[in-house]
């Protein structure tokens, strides 16, 4: 269990380090699953854990920036009656982008571990 959490944490660190690059969640999930090894189900689980671990600090930056953007007139202003629905949709897309793509990356990492001899170990990068 401890090894799983460490590998998911390393995948989250890769996601955070590459967060200025689009689709960095895929790379983080792949790195976590590749490091851990195992089958596709384990890769999917590890990618999901890495995405959830990366989502927490990204969400801490995303929520205030969304509020400030609304105050500046971008998107729906916070005083609008549809603001709650807007926040729910934005959060759903954020969750799908961060956790969902990390899970897809976990599947890719499991595939890479089983079918290639690439060295994707994130400890080598960090």
Protein backbone atom coordinates (compact mmCIF):
# COMPACT_ATOMS: atom_id res chain seq x y z
CA UNK A 1 0.00 0.00 0.00
CA UNK A 2 2.81 2.40 0.89
CA UNK A 3 4.52 1.79 -2.47
CA UNK A 4 1.26 2.54 -4.29
CA UNK A 5 0.89 5.87 -2.50
CA UNK A 6 4.52 6.79 -3.18
CA UNK A 7 4.14 5.99 -6.88
CA UNK A 8 0.89 7.99 -7.07
CA UNK A 9 2.61 10.89 -5.31
CA UNK A 10 5.48 10.79 -7.82
CA UNK A 11 2.96 10.80 -10.66
CA UNK A 12 1.25 13.81 -9.07
CA UNK A 13 4.61 15.58 -8.79
CA UNK A 14 5.25 14.96 -12.48
CA UNK A 15 1.81 16.38 -13.28
CA UNK A 16 2.47 19.47 -11.16
CA UNK A 17 5.97 19.98 -12.56
CA UNK A 18 4.62 19.84 -16.10
CA UNK A 19 1.38 21.69 -15.35
CA UNK A 20 2.16 24.50 -17.79
CA UNK A 21 2.19 21.91 -20.59
CA UNK A 22 -1.23 20.83 -21.91
CA UNK A 23 -2.27 17.28 -21.01
CA UNK A 24 0.40 16.96 -18.31
CA UNK A 25 -2.01 14.73 -16.38
CA UNK A 26 -1.52 12.00 -18.97
CA UNK A 27 2.25 12.08 -18.42
CA UNK A 28 1.87 11.99 -14.63
CA UNK A 29 -0.50 9.02 -14.71
CA UNK A 30 1.76 7.19 -17.15
CA UNK A 31 4.83 7.78 -15.00
CA UNK A 32 3.06 6.50 -11.89
CA UNK A 33 1.75 3.36 -13.57
CA UNK A 34 5.02 2.64 -15.33
CA UNK A 35 6.96 2.90 -12.08
CA UNK A 36 4.54 0.67 -10.20
CA UNK A 37 4.17 -2.05 -12.83
CA UNK A 38 1.27 -4.47 -12.87
CA UNK A 39 -1.64 -4.84 -15.24
CA UNK A 40 -4.07 -2.46 -16.85
CA UNK A 41 -6.43 -2.40 -13.88
CA UNK A 42 -3.56 -1.41 -11.59
CA UNK A 43 -2.43 1.21 -14.10
CA UNK A 44 -5.92 2.70 -14.24
CA UNK A 45 -6.11 2.77 -10.44
CA UNK A 46 -2.65 4.31 -10.06
CA UNK A 47 -3.35 6.93 -12.71
CA UNK A 48 -6.58 7.85 -10.95
CA UNK A 49 -4.79 8.16 -7.60
CA UNK A 50 -2.09 10.33 -9.18
CA UNK A 51 -4.78 12.55 -10.71
CA UNK A 52 -6.60 12.97 -7.40
CA UNK A 53 -3.33 13.78 -5.64
CA UNK A 54 -2.47 16.38 -8.30
CA UNK A 55 -5.99 17.82 -8.29
CA UNK A 56 -5.79 19.10 -4.71
CA UNK A 57 -2.99 21.67 -5.21
CA UNK A 58 -4.22 22.56 -8.69
CA UNK A 59 -7.70 23.19 -7.30
CA UNK A 60 -6.24 25.47 -4.61
CA UNK A 61 -4.95 27.69 -7.43
CA UNK A 62 -7.91 27.23 -9.77
CA UNK A 63 -10.75 28.31 -7.47
CA UNK A 64 -9.39 31.78 -6.59
CA UNK A 65 -8.43 32.45 -10.20
CA UNK A 66 -11.94 31.50 -11.36
CA UNK A 67 -13.45 33.87 -8.80
CA UNK A 68 -11.15 36.74 -9.82
CA UNK A 69 -11.89 36.13 -13.51
CA UNK A 70 -15.62 36.34 -12.73
CA UNK A 71 -15.13 39.62 -10.87
CA UNK A 72 -13.20 41.03 -13.83
CA UNK A 73 -16.06 40.20 -16.19
CA UNK A 74 -14.85 36.97 -17.80
CA UNK A 75 -17.32 34.08 -17.75
CA UNK A 76 -20.36 34.45 -15.51
CA UNK A 77 -20.16 37.03 -12.70
CA UNK A 78 -20.47 35.64 -9.15
CA UNK A 79 -23.70 37.61 -8.57
CA UNK A 80 -25.47 35.85 -11.47
CA UNK A 81 -28.24 33.35 -10.62
CA UNK A 82 -26.64 30.73 -12.87
CA UNK A 83 -23.24 30.99 -11.20
CA UNK A 84 -23.72 27.78 -9.19
CA UNK A 85 -24.46 25.79 -12.35
CA UNK A 86 -21.49 27.41 -14.05
CA UNK A 87 -19.20 26.40 -11.16
CA UNK A 88 -20.55 22.84 -11.22
CA UNK A 89 -19.84 22.54 -14.95
CA UNK A 90 -16.38 24.05 -14.66
CA UNK A 91 -15.53 21.74 -11.75
CA UNK A 92 -16.81 18.71 -13.68
CA UNK A 93 -14.61 19.60 -16.65
CA UNK A 94 -11.66 20.23 -14.32
CA UNK A 95 -12.19 16.84 -12.66
CA UNK A 96 -12.51 15.09 -16.02
CA UNK A 97 -9.40 16.83 -17.35
CA UNK A 98 -7.20 16.21 -14.31
CA UNK A 99 -8.31 12.84 -12.97
CA UNK A 100 -9.72 11.36 -16.18
CA UNK A 101 -6.67 12.10 -18.29
CA UNK A 102 -4.39 10.86 -15.54
CA UNK A 103 -6.30 7.56 -15.51
CA UNK A 104 -5.86 7.32 -19.30
CA UNK A 105 -2.16 7.99 -18.77
CA UNK A 106 -2.11 5.18 -16.22
CA UNK A 107 -3.40 2.80 -18.87
CA UNK A 108 -0.70 4.06 -21.23
CA UNK A 109 1.97 3.57 -18.58
CA UNK A 110 0.84 0.02 -17.94
CA UNK A 111 0.93 -0.65 -21.68
CA UNK A 112 4.41 0.88 -21.99
CA UNK A 113 5.70 -1.22 -19.10
CA UNK A 114 4.35 -4.44 -20.63
CA UNK A 115 5.21 -3.85 -24.30
CA UNK A 116 8.33 -1.67 -24.49
CA UNK A 117 11.70 -1.26 -22.88
CA UNK A 118 11.44 2.53 -22.40
CA UNK A 119 12.74 4.00 -19.14
CA UNK A 120 9.94 6.28 -17.88
CA UNK A 121 10.87 6.12 -14.19
CA UNK A 122 9.94 9.53 -12.71
CA UNK A 123 12.62 9.28 -10.01
CA UNK A 124 15.11 9.71 -12.81
CA UNK A 125 13.47 13.07 -13.74
CA UNK A 126 12.91 14.60 -10.30
